[in-house]
Structures are given as structure tokens and as C-alpha cells.
Amino acid sequence: MVQWTAEEKATIASIWAKVDLENDGHDALGRLLLVYPWTQRYFGTFGNLSTASAVAGNAKVHAHGKKVLGAIDNAIHHLDNVKQTLAALSKQHADELYVDPENFKRLGDMLIIVLASKLGSEFTPKLQATFEKFIDVLVAALSHGYN
């Protein structure tokens, strides 16, 4: 289990308070789908994802991006027990959706890019290091259901 300092918890909460679940979720998921186009295979029911404009206007990408950040929001509200909080989601992605767990890290990287772009100079290396630690914990928790 990861031990969080009070400063780390406050930093994560401060960053997360500036996140717009729908728009930032869409941006992160959209980046994932465009930068790593093979991830589109998990979203076969989403329709056309072949171009940036198609992804930008895709209502299903917006909705799923919001859902993804909603799950991350839940994990942030349970920092002391992220693994248990995401256990069912991990099993679903492993057993039903067959998502390659490497894609969790890729999505985390996309979220870091979205946050850096959004927050600009406010997203200092120290803040990034703390949020990267959280992403590592998140990825480990989501990968836990893969046996």
C-alpha cells in the first residue's frame, strides 16, 4: 500500500479540483485514440474515430471520457485504498473487455499532458511528480485484476 503524505494528498486534491470531468476526459481519451490508434479497437461501437475532427465531435468519446475521469475521481476520493476502490473496474477490463493494461499508463500519460496544457506554469515539476505518483498507483490498481 502506498503511503501518502498530507502534502501529496493536498496537491492531488488541488490539481483535481481544476479538472473538468467531461472536457478534460474527452481530451485525454481523444489523445489516446489518436496518438495510439490501435486503442480504437476497444471502442468499436463509437463510430468514426479516424481523424481528430471525428474524435472531437464524437459524443461517445465525450461520455466515456467523463466516465473514465469519474472513476479517477472516485480513486482520488479514496487515496488510501485505490486498489480496492478500482478492483471491480480492474476485473471488468481484464475479464470482459480484454484491455491491454499498458493502455492504462498510456491514458495516464495523456491525462498528464492535458493537465500540463490546461494548468500551464502552475503545473510545476513538483506537482507533476506528485500526480505521476498517483497515476502509477492508479495504473497498478487497474492492472491488479490481470492474472
Protein backbone atom coordinates (compact mmCIF):
# COMPACT_ATOMS: atom_id res chain seq x y z
CA MET A 1 0.00 0.00 0.00
CA VAL A 2 1.22 3.46 -0.87
CA GLN A 3 1.69 5.94 1.91
CA TRP A 4 0.60 9.45 1.00
CA THR A 5 1.87 12.48 2.86
CA ALA A 6 -0.61 15.19 3.79
CA GLU A 7 1.14 17.46 1.26
CA GLU A 8 0.74 14.88 -1.54
CA LYS A 9 -2.94 14.43 -0.76
CA ALA A 10 -3.46 18.20 -0.75
CA THR A 11 -1.54 18.56 -4.03
CA ILE A 12 -3.60 15.87 -5.76
CA ALA A 13 -6.84 17.39 -4.47
CA SER A 14 -5.74 20.86 -5.58
CA ILE A 15 -4.91 19.69 -9.10
CA TRP A 16 -8.05 17.60 -9.36
CA ALA A 17 -10.29 20.49 -8.27
CA LYS A 18 -9.36 22.21 -11.55
CA VAL A 19 -10.34 19.24 -13.72
CA ASP A 20 -13.47 19.34 -15.86
CA LEU A 21 -14.50 15.68 -15.97
CA GLU A 22 -16.27 15.90 -19.31
CA ASN A 23 -13.97 18.17 -21.30
CA ASP A 24 -10.66 17.01 -19.85
CA GLY A 25 -11.84 13.40 -20.03
CA HIS A 26 -12.68 13.87 -23.69
CA ASP A 27 -9.31 15.50 -24.34
CA ALA A 28 -7.35 12.71 -22.62
CA LEU A 29 -9.31 9.87 -24.22
CA GLY A 30 -9.26 11.63 -27.59
CA ARG A 31 -5.48 11.97 -27.41
CA LEU A 32 -5.18 8.29 -26.55
CA LEU A 33 -7.29 7.29 -29.54
CA LEU A 34 -5.32 9.48 -31.94
CA VAL A 35 -1.78 9.06 -30.62
CA TYR A 36 -2.21 5.29 -30.17
CA PRO A 37 -4.73 4.44 -32.91
CA TRP A 38 -4.68 0.71 -32.11
CA THR A 39 -6.57 1.55 -28.91
CA GLN A 40 -9.58 2.32 -31.10
CA ARG A 41 -10.27 -1.42 -31.28
CA TYR A 42 -11.70 -1.26 -27.75
CA PHE A 43 -14.26 1.30 -28.91
CA GLY A 44 -15.79 -0.40 -31.93
CA THR A 45 -19.27 0.91 -31.11
CA PHE A 46 -18.10 4.54 -31.06
CA GLY A 47 -18.27 5.02 -34.82
CA ASN A 48 -15.73 7.02 -36.80
CA LEU A 49 -12.55 7.72 -34.82
CA SER A 50 -10.22 8.09 -37.79
CA THR A 51 -9.47 11.82 -37.57
CA ALA A 52 -9.04 14.48 -34.92
CA SER A 53 -12.23 16.21 -36.03
CA ALA A 54 -14.18 12.93 -35.89
CA VAL A 55 -12.95 12.27 -32.35
CA ALA A 56 -13.61 15.89 -31.31
CA GLY A 57 -17.23 15.65 -32.36
CA ASN A 58 -17.89 12.15 -31.09
CA ALA A 59 -20.50 12.15 -28.30
CA LYS A 60 -19.48 8.66 -27.18
CA VAL A 61 -15.87 9.77 -26.69
CA HIS A 62 -17.14 12.70 -24.60
CA ALA A 63 -19.35 10.44 -22.49
CA HIS A 64 -16.71 7.76 -21.98
CA GLY A 65 -14.01 10.33 -21.20
CA LYS A 66 -16.26 11.72 -18.48
CA LYS A 67 -16.89 8.19 -17.19
CA VAL A 68 -13.14 7.46 -17.08
CA LEU A 69 -12.39 10.63 -15.16
CA GLY A 70 -15.32 9.83 -12.88
CA ALA A 71 -13.57 6.58 -11.95
CA ILE A 72 -10.34 8.50 -11.37
CA ASP A 73 -12.30 10.99 -9.25
CA ASN A 74 -13.54 8.08 -7.15
CA ALA A 75 -9.96 6.83 -6.72
CA ILE A 76 -8.81 10.30 -5.67
CA HIS A 77 -11.53 10.38 -3.02
CA HIS A 78 -10.19 7.04 -1.75
CA LEU A 79 -6.43 7.62 -1.98
CA ASP A 80 -5.73 5.33 0.94
CA ASN A 81 -7.45 2.41 -0.79
CA VAL A 82 -7.18 2.91 -4.56
CA LYS A 83 -6.66 -0.79 -5.26
CA GLN A 84 -9.86 -1.86 -3.54
CA THR A 85 -11.78 1.11 -4.94
CA LEU A 86 -10.92 0.08 -8.50
CA ALA A 87 -10.99 -3.71 -8.03
CA ALA A 88 -14.26 -4.29 -9.89
CA LEU A 89 -13.22 -1.98 -12.73
CA SER A 90 -9.90 -3.80 -13.00
CA LYS A 91 -11.64 -7.18 -13.25
CA GLN A 92 -14.06 -5.84 -15.86
CA HIS A 93 -11.24 -4.53 -18.03
CA ALA A 94 -9.33 -7.80 -17.66
CA ASP A 95 -12.10 -10.39 -17.91
CA GLU A 96 -14.74 -8.77 -20.10
CA LEU A 97 -13.12 -6.01 -22.13
CA TYR A 98 -9.66 -7.58 -22.57
CA VAL A 99 -7.91 -4.24 -22.41
CA ASP A 100 -4.12 -4.41 -22.55
CA PRO A 101 -3.09 -2.99 -19.15
CA GLU A 102 -0.30 -0.99 -20.83
CA ASN A 103 -3.07 1.26 -22.09
CA PHE A 104 -3.82 2.43 -18.54
CA LYS A 105 -0.36 4.00 -18.40
CA ARG A 106 -0.83 5.48 -21.85
CA LEU A 107 -4.10 7.08 -20.77
CA GLY A 108 -2.40 8.37 -17.62
CA ASP A 109 0.28 9.95 -19.78
CA MET A 110 -2.40 11.61 -21.90
CA LEU A 111 -4.06 12.98 -18.76
CA ILE A 112 -0.73 14.43 -17.61
CA ILE A 113 -0.40 16.19 -20.99
CA VAL A 114 -3.95 17.57 -20.72
CA LEU A 115 -3.28 18.83 -17.19
CA ALA A 116 0.05 20.40 -18.17
CA SER A 117 -1.59 22.16 -21.10
CA LYS A 118 -4.51 23.34 -19.01
CA LEU A 119 -2.56 24.49 -15.95
CA GLY A 120 0.49 25.90 -17.72
CA SER A 121 3.20 27.21 -15.40
CA GLU A 122 1.06 26.28 -12.40
CA PHE A 123 1.79 22.61 -13.21
CA THR A 124 5.27 22.70 -11.72
CA PRO A 125 7.67 19.75 -11.80
CA LYS A 126 6.86 19.14 -8.12
CA LEU A 127 3.11 18.99 -8.83
CA GLN A 128 3.76 16.77 -11.81
CA ALA A 129 5.89 14.38 -9.74
CA THR A 130 3.10 14.02 -7.20
CA PHE A 131 0.46 13.46 -9.87
CA GLU A 132 2.73 10.98 -11.68
CA LYS A 133 2.95 9.04 -8.40
CA PHE A 134 -0.84 8.98 -8.28
CA ILE A 135 -1.01 7.79 -11.91
CA ASP A 136 1.43 4.98 -11.06
CA VAL A 137 -0.81 3.90 -8.16
CA LEU A 138 -3.87 4.13 -10.40
CA VAL A 139 -2.24 2.01 -13.13
CA ALA A 140 -1.12 -0.61 -10.59
CA ALA A 141 -4.65 -0.80 -9.17
CA LEU A 142 -6.25 -1.13 -12.60
CA SER A 143 -3.70 -3.78 -13.60
CA HIS A 144 -4.23 -5.80 -10.43
CA GLY A 145 -7.14 -7.84 -11.83
CA TYR A 146 -4.96 -9.29 -14.58
CA ASN A 147 -3.82 -12.76 -13.54
